[in-house]
C-alpha atoms as a PDB file:
ATOM      1  CA  UNK A   1     119.998  81.822  95.771  1.00  0.00           C
ATOM      2  CA  UNK A   2     122.117  84.578  94.192  1.00  0.00           C
ATOM      3  CA  UNK A   3     121.109  87.897  92.741  1.00  0.00           C
ATOM      4  CA  UNK A   4     121.343  88.216  88.975  1.00  0.00           C
ATOM      5  CA  UNK A   5     123.101  91.460  88.069  1.00  0.00           C
ATOM      6  CA  UNK A   6     120.858  92.904  85.369  1.00  0.00           C
ATOM      7  CA  UNK A   7     121.381  95.976  83.192  1.00  0.00           C
ATOM      8  CA  UNK A   8     118.218  96.968  81.322  1.00  0.00           C
ATOM      9  CA  UNK A   9     118.949  98.345  77.852  1.00  0.00           C
ATOM     10  CA  UNK A  10     115.527  98.554  76.198  1.00  0.00           C
ATOM     11  CA  UNK A  11     112.262  98.997  78.095  1.00  0.00           C
ATOM     12  CA  UNK A  12     109.095 101.070  78.284  1.00  0.00           C
ATOM     13  CA  UNK A  13     111.331 104.062  78.945  1.00  0.00           C
ATOM     14  CA  UNK A  14     112.476 103.818  75.311  1.00  0.00           C
ATOM     15  CA  UNK A  15     108.939 103.542  73.982  1.00  0.00           C
ATOM     16  CA  UNK A  16     109.091  99.762  73.550  1.00  0.00           C
ATOM     17  CA  UNK A  17     105.931  97.708  73.843  1.00  0.00           C
ATOM     18  CA  UNK A  18     107.022  94.223  72.817  1.00  0.00           C
ATOM     19  CA  UNK A  19     110.694  94.420  73.824  1.00  0.00           C
ATOM     20  CA  UNK A  20     112.416  94.185  77.219  1.00  0.00           C
ATOM     21  CA  UNK A  21     116.149  93.662  76.610  1.00  0.00           C
ATOM     22  CA  UNK A  22     118.798  93.290  79.300  1.00  0.00           C
ATOM     23  CA  UNK A  23     122.351  92.035  79.834  1.00  0.00           C
ATOM     24  CA  UNK A  24     122.593  89.699  82.822  1.00  0.00           C
ATOM     25  CA  UNK A  25     125.416  88.287  84.938  1.00  0.00           C
ATOM     26  CA  UNK A  26     125.437  85.507  87.517  1.00  0.00           C
ATOM     27  CA  UNK A  27     128.540  85.025  89.657  1.00  0.00           C
ATOM     28  CA  UNK A  28     130.301  81.603  89.768  1.00  0.00           C
ATOM     29  CA  UNK A  29     128.205  79.183  91.807  1.00  0.00           C
ATOM     30  CA  UNK A  30     125.247  81.558  91.779  1.00  0.00           C
ATOM     31  CA  UNK A  31     121.759  80.249  91.173  1.00  0.00           C
ATOM     32  CA  UNK A  32     118.136  81.293  91.058  1.00  0.00           C
ATOM     33  CA  UNK A  33     115.032  79.594  92.361  1.00  0.00           C
ATOM     34  CA  UNK A  34     112.568  78.162  89.863  1.00  0.00           C
ATOM     35  CA  UNK A  35     110.356  80.879  88.423  1.00  0.00           C
ATOM     36  CA  UNK A  36     108.208  81.676  85.383  1.00  0.00           C
ATOM     37  CA  UNK A  37     107.494  84.755  83.275  1.00  0.00           C
ATOM     38  CA  UNK A  38     104.403  86.181  81.611  1.00  0.00           C
ATOM     39  CA  UNK A  39     106.489  86.581  78.459  1.00  0.00           C
ATOM     40  CA  UNK A  40     108.685  84.518  76.155  1.00  0.00           C
ATOM     41  CA  UNK A  41     112.390  84.617  77.089  1.00  0.00           C
ATOM     42  CA  UNK A  42     115.090  84.428  74.401  1.00  0.00           C
ATOM     43  CA  UNK A  43     118.677  84.100  75.643  1.00  0.00           C
ATOM     44  CA  UNK A  44     122.121  84.390  74.028  1.00  0.00           C
ATOM     45  CA  UNK A  45     125.198  83.571  76.151  1.00  0.00           C
ATOM     46  CA  UNK A  46     128.070  86.078  76.005  1.00  0.00           C
ATOM     47  CA  UNK A  47     130.533  84.337  78.294  1.00  0.00           C
ATOM     48  CA  UNK A  48     130.993  81.758  81.018  1.00  0.00           C
ATOM     49  CA  UNK A  49     128.993  78.579  81.411  1.00  0.00           C
ATOM     50  CA  UNK A  50     125.861  77.607  83.261  1.00  0.00           C
ATOM     51  CA  UNK A  51     122.850  75.339  83.506  1.00  0.00           C
ATOM     52  CA  UNK A  52     119.254  76.077  82.626  1.00  0.00           C
ATOM     53  CA  UNK A  53     116.828  73.716  84.380  1.00  0.00           C
ATOM     54  CA  UNK A  54     113.206  73.273  83.348  1.00  0.00           C
ATOM     55  CA  UNK A  55     110.547  70.587  83.180  1.00  0.00           C
ATOM     56  CA  UNK A  56     112.489  69.166  80.224  1.00  0.00           C
ATOM     57  CA  UNK A  57     115.655  68.601  82.280  1.00  0.00           C
ATOM     58  CA  UNK A  58     119.011  70.364  82.455  1.00  0.00           C
ATOM     59  CA  UNK A  59     120.584  72.246  79.556  1.00  0.00           C
ATOM     60  CA  UNK A  60     124.227  73.414  79.716  1.00  0.00           C
ATOM     61  CA  UNK A  61     124.898  76.686  77.898  1.00  0.00           C
ATOM     62  CA  UNK A  62     128.231  78.319  77.027  1.00  0.00           C
ATOM     63  CA  UNK A  63     129.330  81.381  75.043  1.00  0.00           C
ATOM     64  CA  UNK A  64     127.734  81.629  71.609  1.00  0.00           C
ATOM     65  CA  UNK A  65     124.767  79.381  72.438  1.00  0.00           C
ATOM     66  CA  UNK A  66     121.113  80.347  72.611  1.00  0.00           C
ATOM     67  CA  UNK A  67     118.079  79.123  74.522  1.00  0.00           C
ATOM     68  CA  UNK A  68     114.339  79.685  74.454  1.00  0.00           C
ATOM     69  CA  UNK A  69     112.074  79.620  77.515  1.00  0.00           C
ATOM     70  CA  UNK A  70     108.366  79.540  76.567  1.00  0.00           C
ATOM     71  CA  UNK A  71     105.856  81.776  78.298  1.00  0.00           C
ATOM     72  CA  UNK A  72     104.848  80.320  81.649  1.00  0.00           C
ATOM     73  CA  UNK A  73     107.592  77.651  81.704  1.00  0.00           C
ATOM     74  CA  UNK A  74     109.111  77.252  85.206  1.00  0.00           C
ATOM     75  CA  UNK A  75     112.919  77.367  84.997  1.00  0.00           C
ATOM     76  CA  UNK A  76     116.030  78.112  87.048  1.00  0.00           C
ATOM     77  CA  UNK A  77     119.611  79.258  86.352  1.00  0.00           C
ATOM     78  CA  UNK A  78     122.924  78.123  87.864  1.00  0.00           C
ATOM     79  CA  UNK A  79     126.388  79.442  86.960  1.00  0.00           C
ATOM     80  CA  UNK A  80     129.126  76.837  86.549  1.00  0.00           C
ATOM     81  CA  UNK A  81     132.910  77.188  86.303  1.00  0.00           C
ATOM     82  CA  UNK A  82     135.133  79.910  87.730  1.00  0.00           C
ATOM     83  CA  UNK A  83     133.993  82.930  85.742  1.00  0.00           C
ATOM     84  CA  UNK A  84     130.746  84.901  85.659  1.00  0.00           C
ATOM     85  CA  UNK A  85     128.004  83.605  83.400  1.00  0.00           C
ATOM     86  CA  UNK A  86     126.832  86.463  81.163  1.00  0.00           C
ATOM     87  CA  UNK A  87     123.953  86.565  78.704  1.00  0.00           C
ATOM     88  CA  UNK A  88     121.630  88.843  76.760  1.00  0.00           C
ATOM     89  CA  UNK A  89     117.944  88.178  77.375  1.00  0.00           C
ATOM     90  CA  UNK A  90     114.856  89.369  75.576  1.00  0.00           C
ATOM     91  CA  UNK A  91     111.451  89.216  77.219  1.00  0.00           C
ATOM     92  CA  UNK A  92     108.531  89.685  74.850  1.00  0.00           C
ATOM     93  CA  UNK A  93     106.066  91.209  75.362  1.00  0.00           C
ATOM     94  CA  UNK A  94     106.926  93.698  78.082  1.00  0.00           C
ATOM     95  CA  UNK A  95     106.429  92.170  81.558  1.00  0.00           C
ATOM     96  CA  UNK A  96     103.278  93.218  83.350  1.00  0.00           C
ATOM     97  CA  UNK A  97     103.796  96.078  85.751  1.00  0.00           C
ATOM     98  CA  UNK A  98     102.005  94.277  88.591  1.00  0.00           C
ATOM     99  CA  UNK A  99     103.449  91.484  90.707  1.00  0.00           C
ATOM    100  CA  UNK A 100     101.412  88.902  88.781  1.00  0.00           C
ATOM    101  CA  UNK A 101     103.359  86.010  87.293  1.00  0.00           C
ATOM    102  CA  UNK A 102     102.692  83.413  84.643  1.00  0.00           C
ATOM    103  CA  UNK A 103     101.827  80.739  87.206  1.00  0.00           C
ATOM    104  CA  UNK A 104      98.450  80.288  85.546  1.00  0.00           C
ATOM    105  CA  UNK A 105     100.239  78.701  82.577  1.00  0.00           C
ATOM    106  CA  UNK A 106     100.731  75.282  84.124  1.00  0.00           C
ATOM    107  CA  UNK A 107     101.720  73.367  80.967  1.00  0.00           C
ATOM    108  CA  UNK A 108     105.470  72.708  81.040  1.00  0.00           C
ATOM    109  CA  UNK A 109     106.570  73.510  77.527  1.00  0.00           C
ATOM    110  CA  UNK A 110     110.104  72.467  76.488  1.00  0.00           C
ATOM    111  CA  UNK A 111     113.201  74.626  76.524  1.00  0.00           C
ATOM    112  CA  UNK A 112     115.219  74.340  73.322  1.00  0.00           C
ATOM    113  CA  UNK A 113     118.717  75.596  72.512  1.00  0.00           C
ATOM    114  CA  UNK A 114     121.130  75.669  69.600  1.00  0.00           C
ATOM    115  CA  UNK A 115     122.128  77.537  66.482  1.00  0.00           C
ATOM    116  CA  UNK A 116     120.458  77.074  63.105  1.00  0.00           C
ATOM    117  CA  UNK A 117     121.099  78.185  59.533  1.00  0.00           C
ATOM    118  CA  UNK A 118     119.284  81.242  58.253  1.00  0.00           C
ATOM    119  CA  UNK A 119     115.936  80.379  56.731  1.00  0.00           C
ATOM    120  CA  UNK A 120     114.842  81.320  53.239  1.00  0.00           C
ATOM    121  CA  UNK A 121     111.711  83.433  53.473  1.00  0.00           C
ATOM    122  CA  UNK A 122     110.477  86.773  52.227  1.00  0.00           C
ATOM    123  CA  UNK A 123     111.355  88.694  55.389  1.00  0.00           C
ATOM    124  CA  UNK A 124     115.036  87.859  55.041  1.00  0.00           C
ATOM    125  CA  UNK A 125     115.159  87.564  51.262  1.00  0.00           C
ATOM    126  CA  UNK A 126     114.153  91.217  51.008  1.00  0.00           C
ATOM    127  CA  UNK A 127     117.284  92.056  52.989  1.00  0.00           C
ATOM    128  CA  UNK A 128     119.603  89.855  50.919  1.00  0.00           C
ATOM    129  CA  UNK A 129     122.568  92.173  50.344  1.00  0.00           C
ATOM    130  CA  UNK A 130     126.091  91.254  49.324  1.00  0.00           C
ATOM    131  CA  UNK A 131     128.350  91.052  52.367  1.00  0.00           C
ATOM    132  CA  UNK A 132     125.507  90.522  54.880  1.00  0.00           C
ATOM    133  CA  UNK A 133     124.794  87.118  56.444  1.00  0.00           C
ATOM    134  CA  UNK A 134     122.057  86.131  58.898  1.00  0.00           C
ATOM    135  CA  UNK A 135     122.111  83.081  61.208  1.00  0.00           C
ATOM    136  CA  UNK A 136     118.807  82.364  62.903  1.00  0.00           C
ATOM    137  CA  UNK A 137     119.016  81.318  66.562  1.00  0.00           C
ATOM    138  CA  UNK A 138     115.424  81.283  67.800  1.00  0.00           C
ATOM    139  CA  UNK A 139     112.172  81.483  65.865  1.00  0.00           C
ATOM    140  CA  UNK A 140     108.952  79.511  65.530  1.00  0.00           C
ATOM    141  CA  UNK A 141     110.916  76.282  65.040  1.00  0.00           C
ATOM    142  CA  UNK A 142     111.781  76.455  68.739  1.00  0.00           C
ATOM    143  CA  UNK A 143     108.090  77.251  69.468  1.00  0.00           C
ATOM    144  CA  UNK A 144     108.696  80.979  69.841  1.00  0.00           C
ATOM    145  CA  UNK A 145     105.541  82.860  68.900  1.00  0.00           C
ATOM    146  CA  UNK A 146     106.255  86.412  69.976  1.00  0.00           C
ATOM    147  CA  UNK A 147     109.874  87.156  69.045  1.00  0.00           C
ATOM    148  CA  UNK A 148     112.984  86.140  67.095  1.00  0.00           C
ATOM    149  CA  UNK A 149     116.715  86.221  67.865  1.00  0.00           C
ATOM    150  CA  UNK A 150     119.520  85.892  65.311  1.00  0.00           C
ATOM    151  CA  UNK A 151     123.116  86.851  64.483  1.00  0.00           C
ATOM    152  CA  UNK A 152     124.007  89.355  61.761  1.00  0.00           C
ATOM    153  CA  UNK A 153     127.445  89.519  60.115  1.00  0.00           C
ATOM    154  CA  UNK A 154     128.556  92.458  57.930  1.00  0.00           C
ATOM    155  CA  UNK A 155     131.664  92.232  55.781  1.00  0.00           C
ATOM    156  CA  UNK A 156     133.786  95.376  55.332  1.00  0.00           C
ATOM    157  CA  UNK A 157     132.002  97.773  52.999  1.00  0.00           C
ATOM    158  CA  UNK A 158     128.554  96.185  53.411  1.00  0.00           C
ATOM    159  CA  UNK A 159     125.658  98.665  53.405  1.00  0.00           C
ATOM    160  CA  UNK A 160     121.949  98.288  54.144  1.00  0.00           C
ATOM    161  CA  UNK A 161     119.848 101.197  52.900  1.00  0.00           C
ATOM    162  CA  UNK A 162     117.460 103.082  55.211  1.00  0.00           C
ATOM    163  CA  UNK A 163     114.272 101.141  55.924  1.00  0.00           C
ATOM    164  CA  UNK A 164     111.708 100.493  58.631  1.00  0.00           C
ATOM    165  CA  UNK A 165     109.506  97.661  59.923  1.00  0.00           C
ATOM    166  CA  UNK A 166     106.096  97.014  61.532  1.00  0.00           C
ATOM    167  CA  UNK A 167     107.879  95.530  64.592  1.00  0.00           C
ATOM    168  CA  UNK A 168     110.535  96.453  67.174  1.00  0.00           C
ATOM    169  CA  UNK A 169     114.237  95.591  66.816  1.00  0.00           C
ATOM    170  CA  UNK A 170     117.343  95.656  69.002  1.00  0.00           C
ATOM    171  CA  UNK A 171     120.985  95.423  67.925  1.00  0.00           C
ATOM    172  CA  UNK A 172     123.679  94.344  70.441  1.00  0.00           C
ATOM    173  CA  UNK A 173     127.185  94.581  68.965  1.00  0.00           C
ATOM    174  CA  UNK A 174     129.356  91.536  69.727  1.00  0.00           C
ATOM    175  CA  UNK A 175     132.404  92.193  67.523  1.00  0.00           C
ATOM    176  CA  UNK A 176     133.740  95.028  65.368  1.00  0.00           C
ATOM    177  CA  UNK A 177     131.956  98.331  64.765  1.00  0.00           C
ATOM    178  CA  UNK A 178     129.217  99.563  62.447  1.00  0.00           C
ATOM    179  CA  UNK A 179     127.696 102.913  61.505  1.00  0.00           C
ATOM    180  CA  UNK A 180     124.033 103.043  62.545  1.00  0.00           C
ATOM    181  CA  UNK A 181     121.964 105.702  60.808  1.00  0.00           C
ATOM    182  CA  UNK A 182     118.505 107.006  61.634  1.00  0.00           C
ATOM    183  CA  UNK A 183     116.627 110.023  60.309  1.00  0.00           C
ATOM    184  CA  UNK A 184     117.814 111.987  63.334  1.00  0.00           C
ATOM    185  CA  UNK A 185     121.459 110.984  63.740  1.00  0.00           C
ATOM    186  CA  UNK A 186     124.419 108.826  62.753  1.00  0.00           C
ATOM    187  CA  UNK A 187     126.284 106.857  65.395  1.00  0.00           C
ATOM    188  CA  UNK A 188     129.143 104.357  65.461  1.00  0.00           C
ATOM    189  CA  UNK A 189     128.163 101.242  67.436  1.00  0.00           C
ATOM    190  CA  UNK A 190     130.996  99.278  69.051  1.00  0.00           C
ATOM    191  CA  UNK A 191     131.249  96.122  71.157  1.00  0.00           C
ATOM    192  CA  UNK A 192     128.835  96.366  74.081  1.00  0.00           C
ATOM    193  CA  UNK A 193     126.663  99.043  72.471  1.00  0.00           C
ATOM    194  CA  UNK A 194     122.936  98.449  72.006  1.00  0.00           C
ATOM    195  CA  UNK A 195     120.580 100.254  69.622  1.00  0.00           C
ATOM    196  CA  UNK A 196     116.789 100.088  69.474  1.00  0.00           C
ATOM    197  CA  UNK A 197     114.476 100.733  66.510  1.00  0.00           C
ATOM    198  CA  UNK A 198     110.784 101.031  67.258  1.00  0.00           C
ATOM    199  CA  UNK A 199     107.951 100.434  64.817  1.00  0.00           C
ATOM    200  CA  UNK A 200     108.343 102.809  61.880  1.00  0.00           C
ATOM    201  CA  UNK A 201     111.822 104.009  62.912  1.00  0.00           C
ATOM    202  CA  UNK A 202     113.842 104.474  59.703  1.00  0.00           C
ATOM    203  CA  UNK A 203     117.348 103.048  60.121  1.00  0.00           C
ATOM    204  CA  UNK A 204     120.256 101.649  58.128  1.00  0.00           C
ATOM    205  CA  UNK A 205     123.780 100.275  58.580  1.00  0.00           C
ATOM    206  CA  UNK A 206     127.188 100.638  56.965  1.00  0.00           C
ATOM    207  CA  UNK A 207     130.424  98.848  57.813  1.00  0.00           C
ATOM    208  CA  UNK A 208     133.078 101.464  57.037  1.00  0.00           C
ATOM    209  CA  UNK A 209     135.825  99.555  58.857  1.00  0.00           C
ATOM    210  CA  UNK A 210     138.345  97.072  57.464  1.00  0.00           C
ATOM    211  CA  UNK A 211     137.084  94.149  59.566  1.00  0.00           C
ATOM    212  CA  UNK A 212     133.802  92.220  59.852  1.00  0.00           C
ATOM    213  CA  UNK A 213     131.176  93.238  62.376  1.00  0.00           C
ATOM    214  CA  UNK A 214     128.738  90.974  64.199  1.00  0.00           C
ATOM    215  CA  UNK A 215     125.709  91.803  66.301  1.00  0.00           C
ATOM    216  CA  UNK A 216     122.863  90.016  68.036  1.00  0.00           C
ATOM    217  CA  UNK A 217     119.485  91.143  66.731  1.00  0.00           C
ATOM    218  CA  UNK A 218     115.992  90.648  68.127  1.00  0.00           C
ATOM    219  CA  UNK A 219     112.596  91.262  66.590  1.00  0.00           C
ATOM    220  CA  UNK A 220     109.344  91.532  68.509  1.00  0.00           C
ATOM    221  CA  UNK A 221     106.688  90.681  67.647  1.00  0.00           C
ATOM    222  CA  UNK A 222     107.663  88.189  64.960  1.00  0.00           C
ATOM    223  CA  UNK A 223     107.626  89.707  61.455  1.00  0.00           C
ATOM    224  CA  UNK A 224     104.580  89.238  59.254  1.00  0.00           C
ATOM    225  CA  UNK A 225     105.007  86.798  56.393  1.00  0.00           C
ATOM    226  CA  UNK A 226     104.691  89.644  53.883  1.00  0.00           C
ATOM    227  CA  UNK A 227     105.656  93.336  53.876  1.00  0.00           C
ATOM    228  CA  UNK A 228     108.096  93.045  56.763  1.00  0.00           C
ATOM    229  CA  UNK A 229     110.496  95.630  55.284  1.00  0.00           C
ATOM    230  CA  UNK A 230     109.829  99.080  53.839  1.00  0.00           C
ATOM    231  CA  UNK A 231     112.753 100.805  52.158  1.00  0.00           C
ATOM    232  CA  UNK A 232     112.929 104.570  51.832  1.00  0.00           C
ATOM    233  CA  UNK A 233     112.201 105.627  48.247  1.00  0.00           C
ATOM    234  CA  UNK A 234     111.135 102.122  47.221  1.00  0.00           C
END
């Protein structure tokens, strides 16, 4: 068994309740023993290649692919190839602080992976802005109940006005750079940067560069069917 190098980016220390976000790395040939979590696990692979094993079998994942591990589902990781296997993982809700695990959830629910087109619903329709595209990776269609994970692409010049939500969000920049604004500050996010917006945190984005920007976004808990977005001055 090999140790997973894990850098925590959003946790209780940031005021999060539903969100535990980390970037993980497993060296070539490294593996973990089968284990389970008392939270849903949403994964997006940044680089390398590896295998996710669960009661449903073995799933091979490479850069740009996503996977969902249901709460209480025993699973194991193994890095393949000659380069480190790197991924972003979201656990929702926050793991319990005790040593308790999700072993009491004995039903082996399936692990699903893939990329899917953005869905047409009110939560995303309210954010329909020229130059902004959303590609859903994991939501209730993969049996996720507690969180979502998707890709966001901003064309040069795209702007999203200040707004807030009744849920927590994270933004992990994968390509390009974007201006991230809150009521307290303005910051340029670049590749590798992560931002967190808690419930009620007013925030907005602007792509002032000459190239597209892409980030990985998570939401926890899942947005309500109505009133998921509240724009300043609206």
